[in-house]
Amino acid sequence: MPTVETVGNQQVVFKLSGSNLAKIVLSLPIGGFFACLLLSLMYDWHESTATHCGVVNYLPSISSAIGGFTPQRYIWRICIALHCAPRFMIAVMYFNFYLSSKALLSAQRFYNTLVWVNMLLNISENFFLILLTCVSSTENYLVHERSFILFIIASECHMLLSLLLNKWSKSYRPLSRKEVAADRKKLAMFLANLMACLLAGYFFYRHNKFCEAGIYTYFAACEYTVVLTNIAFHGCAVYDFGHGAISFMVPMHKD
């Protein structure tokens, strides 16, 4: 017979390891992204790659791939909706994770303020991701555009502040090799994401200003890099919480 796990006088009725949670949260946006992109290239290539000035383009923008056609828009919305609840939970987990640190007690008030700001940025990033997903560019371009801009701002600020807090919270002790490697991956993903954002803005400006053939393709490729590096950065949470578990417990009934 299977054994029932107990903690004190409570029975564990549900348990999910941190590594499995990370796999679920990561697979949803990555799977949805590639599914939408492939479907757009296979069945809606001409429409999804069309530009306002009619120049040659080989890749659809993310807005077009995820919101311009069906079933892509439904696939993306379902994937984002399913992965957002754990994202909010992970934001709170990081909040408690950073507050539990013994870093620089002399500057504890400032440190605590940054932890609060970081959580609010994380929640804001997730909220604007939901908004730009639910409101496609073809339905309301202004809302979609503003949501995307606010998502990028919140995302970049959150990643930068997370790197600072991550370093600050561990400053009182030596780091293991795995922690050093994890921190380097987080930094690499942030720098790649920031560079892709800047290049995307540059190519978008060139496309709208000069309507050069192929420039919008470079913009789309930079957009893809922004999305994938953002997912990878958040996926680094597995290094902090991968050995833990989420459990739901109920009081044990006494006969």
Protein backbone atom coordinates (compact mmCIF):
# COMPACT_ATOMS: atom_id res chain seq x y z
CA MET A 1 0.00 0.00 0.00
CA PRO A 2 1.25 3.54 -0.74
CA THR A 3 2.43 5.42 2.32
CA VAL A 4 0.81 8.69 3.34
CA GLU A 5 3.26 11.50 4.02
CA THR A 6 2.61 13.44 7.17
CA VAL A 7 4.10 16.58 8.68
CA GLY A 8 3.33 16.85 12.40
CA ASN A 9 -0.41 16.31 12.72
CA GLN A 10 -1.09 17.19 9.07
CA GLN A 11 -1.40 14.96 6.02
CA VAL A 12 0.18 15.91 2.70
CA VAL A 13 -2.51 15.54 0.01
CA PHE A 14 -0.58 17.23 -2.82
CA LYS A 15 3.13 17.73 -3.44
CA LEU A 16 4.99 19.14 -6.44
CA SER A 17 8.77 19.42 -6.55
CA GLY A 18 10.37 22.71 -7.52
CA SER A 19 12.06 21.13 -10.54
CA ASN A 20 8.75 19.77 -11.89
CA LEU A 21 7.08 23.13 -11.29
CA ALA A 22 9.84 24.81 -13.31
CA LYS A 23 9.36 22.33 -16.17
CA ILE A 24 5.64 23.08 -16.29
CA VAL A 25 6.05 26.86 -16.10
CA LEU A 26 8.78 26.87 -18.77
CA SER A 27 7.21 24.40 -21.18
CA LEU A 28 3.95 26.32 -21.53
CA PRO A 29 5.26 29.63 -22.99
CA ILE A 30 8.06 27.92 -24.95
CA GLY A 31 5.70 25.32 -26.41
CA GLY A 32 3.06 27.94 -27.15
CA PHE A 33 5.58 30.26 -28.79
CA PHE A 34 7.01 27.67 -31.17
CA ALA A 35 3.57 26.22 -31.95
CA CYS A 36 2.24 29.67 -32.92
CA LEU A 37 5.35 30.49 -34.95
CA LEU A 38 5.33 27.21 -36.88
CA LEU A 39 1.59 27.40 -37.58
CA SER A 40 1.95 30.97 -38.87
CA LEU A 41 4.86 30.01 -41.13
CA MET A 42 3.10 26.90 -42.44
CA TYR A 43 -0.45 28.17 -42.98
CA ASP A 44 -0.44 31.99 -42.81
CA TRP A 45 3.00 32.86 -44.16
CA HIS A 46 2.01 35.58 -46.64
CA GLU A 47 -0.42 37.31 -44.29
CA SER A 48 1.77 37.03 -41.17
CA THR A 49 4.92 38.37 -42.88
CA ALA A 50 3.20 41.20 -44.76
CA THR A 51 4.39 44.73 -43.92
CA HIS A 52 2.68 48.09 -44.25
CA CYS A 53 5.01 49.14 -47.09
CA GLY A 54 5.06 45.82 -48.95
CA VAL A 55 8.81 45.08 -48.72
CA VAL A 56 10.23 41.56 -48.57
CA ASN A 57 9.99 39.93 -45.13
CA TYR A 58 10.66 36.34 -44.08
CA LEU A 59 9.52 36.11 -40.45
CA PRO A 60 6.30 37.19 -38.71
CA SER A 61 6.47 39.49 -35.74
CA ILE A 62 5.42 37.99 -32.42
CA SER A 63 2.26 40.12 -32.37
CA SER A 64 1.28 38.69 -35.74
CA ALA A 65 2.24 35.10 -34.90
CA ILE A 66 0.41 34.93 -31.57
CA GLY A 67 -2.55 37.23 -32.12
CA GLY A 68 -3.26 37.64 -35.81
CA PHE A 69 -4.63 34.22 -36.68
CA THR A 70 -6.47 31.20 -35.30
CA PRO A 71 -5.80 28.79 -33.69
CA GLN A 72 -2.53 30.58 -32.78
CA ARG A 73 -4.19 33.24 -30.67
CA TYR A 74 -6.05 30.62 -28.63
CA ILE A 75 -2.98 28.44 -28.16
CA TRP A 76 -0.96 31.38 -26.88
CA ARG A 77 -3.69 32.66 -24.58
CA ILE A 78 -4.23 29.24 -23.03
CA CYS A 79 -0.49 28.68 -22.48
CA ILE A 80 0.03 32.11 -20.91
CA ALA A 81 -3.08 31.77 -18.74
CA LEU A 82 -1.95 28.40 -17.39
CA HIS A 83 1.59 29.52 -16.60
CA CYS A 84 0.69 32.87 -15.00
CA ALA A 85 -0.68 31.58 -11.68
CA PRO A 86 2.65 29.88 -10.80
CA ARG A 87 4.46 33.06 -11.94
CA PHE A 88 2.58 35.13 -9.35
CA MET A 89 3.36 32.52 -6.72
CA ILE A 90 7.06 32.51 -7.64
CA ALA A 91 7.11 36.32 -7.28
CA VAL A 92 5.97 35.91 -3.66
CA MET A 93 8.48 33.07 -3.16
CA TYR A 94 11.34 35.34 -4.25
CA PHE A 95 10.01 38.09 -1.99
CA ASN A 96 10.27 35.79 1.04
CA PHE A 97 13.53 34.31 -0.23
CA TYR A 98 15.23 37.72 -0.36
CA LEU A 99 13.74 38.89 2.96
CA SER A 100 15.12 35.82 4.69
CA SER A 101 18.66 36.87 3.77
CA LYS A 102 21.08 38.21 6.36
CA ALA A 103 22.67 40.56 3.84
CA LEU A 104 24.09 43.85 5.08
CA LEU A 105 21.97 44.37 8.16
CA SER A 106 23.26 47.93 8.40
CA ALA A 107 21.31 48.75 5.22
CA GLN A 108 18.32 46.51 5.97
CA ARG A 109 15.63 49.17 5.41
CA PHE A 110 16.91 50.06 1.94
CA TYR A 111 17.36 46.38 1.12
CA ASN A 112 13.78 45.58 2.20
CA THR A 113 12.46 48.43 0.05
CA LEU A 114 14.25 47.02 -3.00
CA VAL A 115 12.77 43.59 -2.27
CA TRP A 116 9.27 45.09 -2.28
CA VAL A 117 9.96 46.99 -5.50
CA ASN A 118 11.32 43.85 -7.11
CA MET A 119 8.17 41.89 -6.28
CA LEU A 120 5.94 44.66 -7.63
CA LEU A 121 7.97 44.74 -10.86
CA ASN A 122 7.68 40.97 -11.17
CA ILE A 123 3.92 41.10 -10.68
CA SER A 124 3.62 44.05 -13.09
CA GLU A 125 5.60 42.21 -15.76
CA ASN A 126 3.28 39.23 -15.44
CA PHE A 127 0.17 41.43 -15.49
CA PHE A 128 1.18 43.29 -18.65
CA LEU A 129 2.08 39.98 -20.30
CA ILE A 130 -1.47 38.81 -19.63
CA LEU A 131 -2.89 42.08 -20.95
CA LEU A 132 -0.92 42.13 -24.21
CA THR A 133 -1.82 38.45 -24.68
CA CYS A 134 -5.55 38.94 -24.15
CA VAL A 135 -5.72 42.09 -26.30
CA SER A 136 -4.09 41.37 -29.65
CA SER A 137 -2.71 44.05 -31.99
CA THR A 138 -5.55 43.41 -34.46
CA GLU A 139 -8.20 43.93 -31.76
CA ASN A 140 -6.84 47.08 -30.12
CA TYR A 141 -3.42 48.15 -31.33
CA LEU A 142 -3.00 50.99 -28.80
CA VAL A 143 -3.70 48.82 -25.74
CA HIS A 144 -1.50 46.02 -27.11
CA GLU A 145 1.36 48.41 -27.89
CA ARG A 146 1.24 50.16 -24.51
CA SER A 147 1.02 46.83 -22.69
CA PHE A 148 4.05 45.55 -24.61
CA ILE A 149 6.09 48.66 -23.79
CA LEU A 150 5.19 48.46 -20.09
CA PHE A 151 5.95 44.73 -20.11
CA ILE A 152 9.43 45.40 -21.50
CA ILE A 153 10.12 48.20 -18.98
CA ALA A 154 8.95 46.09 -16.03
CA SER A 155 10.86 43.08 -17.34
CA GLU A 156 14.20 44.86 -17.76
CA CYS A 157 13.93 46.62 -14.40
CA HIS A 158 12.94 43.40 -12.66
CA MET A 159 15.83 41.42 -14.15
CA LEU A 160 18.35 44.11 -13.28
CA LEU A 161 17.08 44.48 -9.71
CA SER A 162 16.93 40.69 -9.31
CA LEU A 163 20.60 40.45 -10.24
CA LEU A 164 21.44 43.11 -7.65
CA LEU A 165 19.36 41.48 -4.90
CA ASN A 166 20.69 38.05 -5.79
CA LYS A 167 24.26 39.26 -5.32
CA TRP A 168 23.44 41.33 -2.25
CA SER A 169 21.47 38.57 -0.49
CA LYS A 170 24.42 36.14 -0.78
CA SER A 171 27.17 38.63 0.02
CA TYR A 172 27.59 37.41 3.60
CA ARG A 173 28.72 33.88 2.64
CA PRO A 174 30.88 32.12 0.03
CA LEU A 175 29.05 30.80 -3.05
CA SER A 176 29.13 27.24 -4.31
CA ARG A 177 30.15 26.44 -7.88
CA LYS A 178 26.53 25.84 -8.85
CA GLU A 179 25.48 29.22 -7.46
CA VAL A 180 28.28 30.98 -9.35
CA ALA A 181 27.28 29.21 -12.58
CA ALA A 182 23.61 30.08 -12.01
CA ASP A 183 24.41 33.75 -11.40
CA ARG A 184 26.45 33.87 -14.61
CA LYS A 185 23.55 32.37 -16.57
CA LYS A 186 21.16 34.96 -15.15
CA LEU A 187 23.55 37.77 -16.09
CA ALA A 188 24.03 36.36 -19.59
CA MET A 189 20.27 36.11 -20.16
CA PHE A 190 19.74 39.67 -18.95
CA LEU A 191 22.48 41.09 -21.19
CA ALA A 192 21.23 39.12 -24.21
CA ASN A 193 17.67 40.27 -23.51
CA LEU A 194 18.71 43.92 -23.16
CA MET A 195 20.79 43.81 -26.36
CA ALA A 196 17.93 42.18 -28.26
CA CYS A 197 15.53 44.88 -27.03
CA LEU A 198 17.83 47.65 -28.21
CA LEU A 199 18.39 46.00 -31.59
CA ALA A 200 14.66 45.38 -32.01
CA GLY A 201 13.99 49.07 -31.41
CA TYR A 202 16.68 50.02 -33.91
CA PHE A 203 15.39 47.68 -36.64
CA PHE A 204 11.79 48.74 -36.00
CA TYR A 205 12.79 52.38 -36.45
CA ARG A 206 14.69 51.60 -39.67
CA HIS A 207 11.79 49.61 -41.06
CA ASN A 208 9.25 52.37 -40.42
CA LYS A 209 11.61 55.14 -41.53
CA PHE A 210 13.13 53.64 -44.69
CA CYS A 211 11.06 50.49 -45.51
CA GLU A 212 14.16 48.45 -46.36
CA ALA A 213 13.73 44.87 -47.53
CA GLY A 214 14.53 42.28 -44.86
CA ILE A 215 14.89 44.73 -41.96
CA TYR A 216 11.58 43.67 -40.43
CA THR A 217 12.90 40.10 -40.42
CA TYR A 218 15.79 41.22 -38.21
CA PHE A 219 13.28 42.95 -35.95
CA ALA A 220 11.23 39.76 -35.65
CA ALA A 221 14.34 37.68 -34.88
CA CYS A 222 15.26 40.14 -32.10
CA GLU A 223 11.72 39.85 -30.73
CA TYR A 224 12.10 36.08 -30.57
CA THR A 225 15.36 36.51 -28.68
CA VAL A 226 13.68 38.86 -26.20
CA VAL A 227 10.95 36.31 -25.49
CA LEU A 228 13.25 33.29 -25.19
CA THR A 229 15.87 35.02 -23.01
CA ASN A 230 13.11 36.36 -20.76
CA ILE A 231 11.74 32.84 -20.32
CA ALA A 232 15.27 31.51 -19.70
CA PHE A 233 15.96 34.18 -17.07
CA HIS A 234 12.81 33.28 -15.15
CA GLY A 235 13.66 29.62 -15.63
CA CYS A 236 16.80 30.17 -13.57
CA ALA A 237 14.47 30.09 -10.55
CA VAL A 238 15.04 26.34 -10.62
CA TYR A 239 18.53 26.98 -9.21
CA ASP A 240 17.00 28.72 -6.19
CA PHE A 241 13.90 26.56 -5.63
CA GLY A 242 14.55 23.37 -7.59
CA HIS A 243 15.39 21.35 -4.48
CA GLY A 244 12.25 22.47 -2.66
CA ALA A 245 8.64 21.40 -3.04
CA ILE A 246 5.15 22.86 -2.89
CA SER A 247 2.86 20.92 -0.58
CA PHE A 248 -0.81 21.15 0.35
CA MET A 249 -1.64 19.72 3.75
CA VAL A 250 -4.83 19.12 5.70
CA PRO A 251 -5.26 18.29 9.40
CA MET A 252 -5.35 14.56 10.11
CA HIS A 253 -8.66 13.26 11.41
CA LYS A 254 -8.50 11.40 14.67
CA ASP A 255 -10.69 8.34 15.07
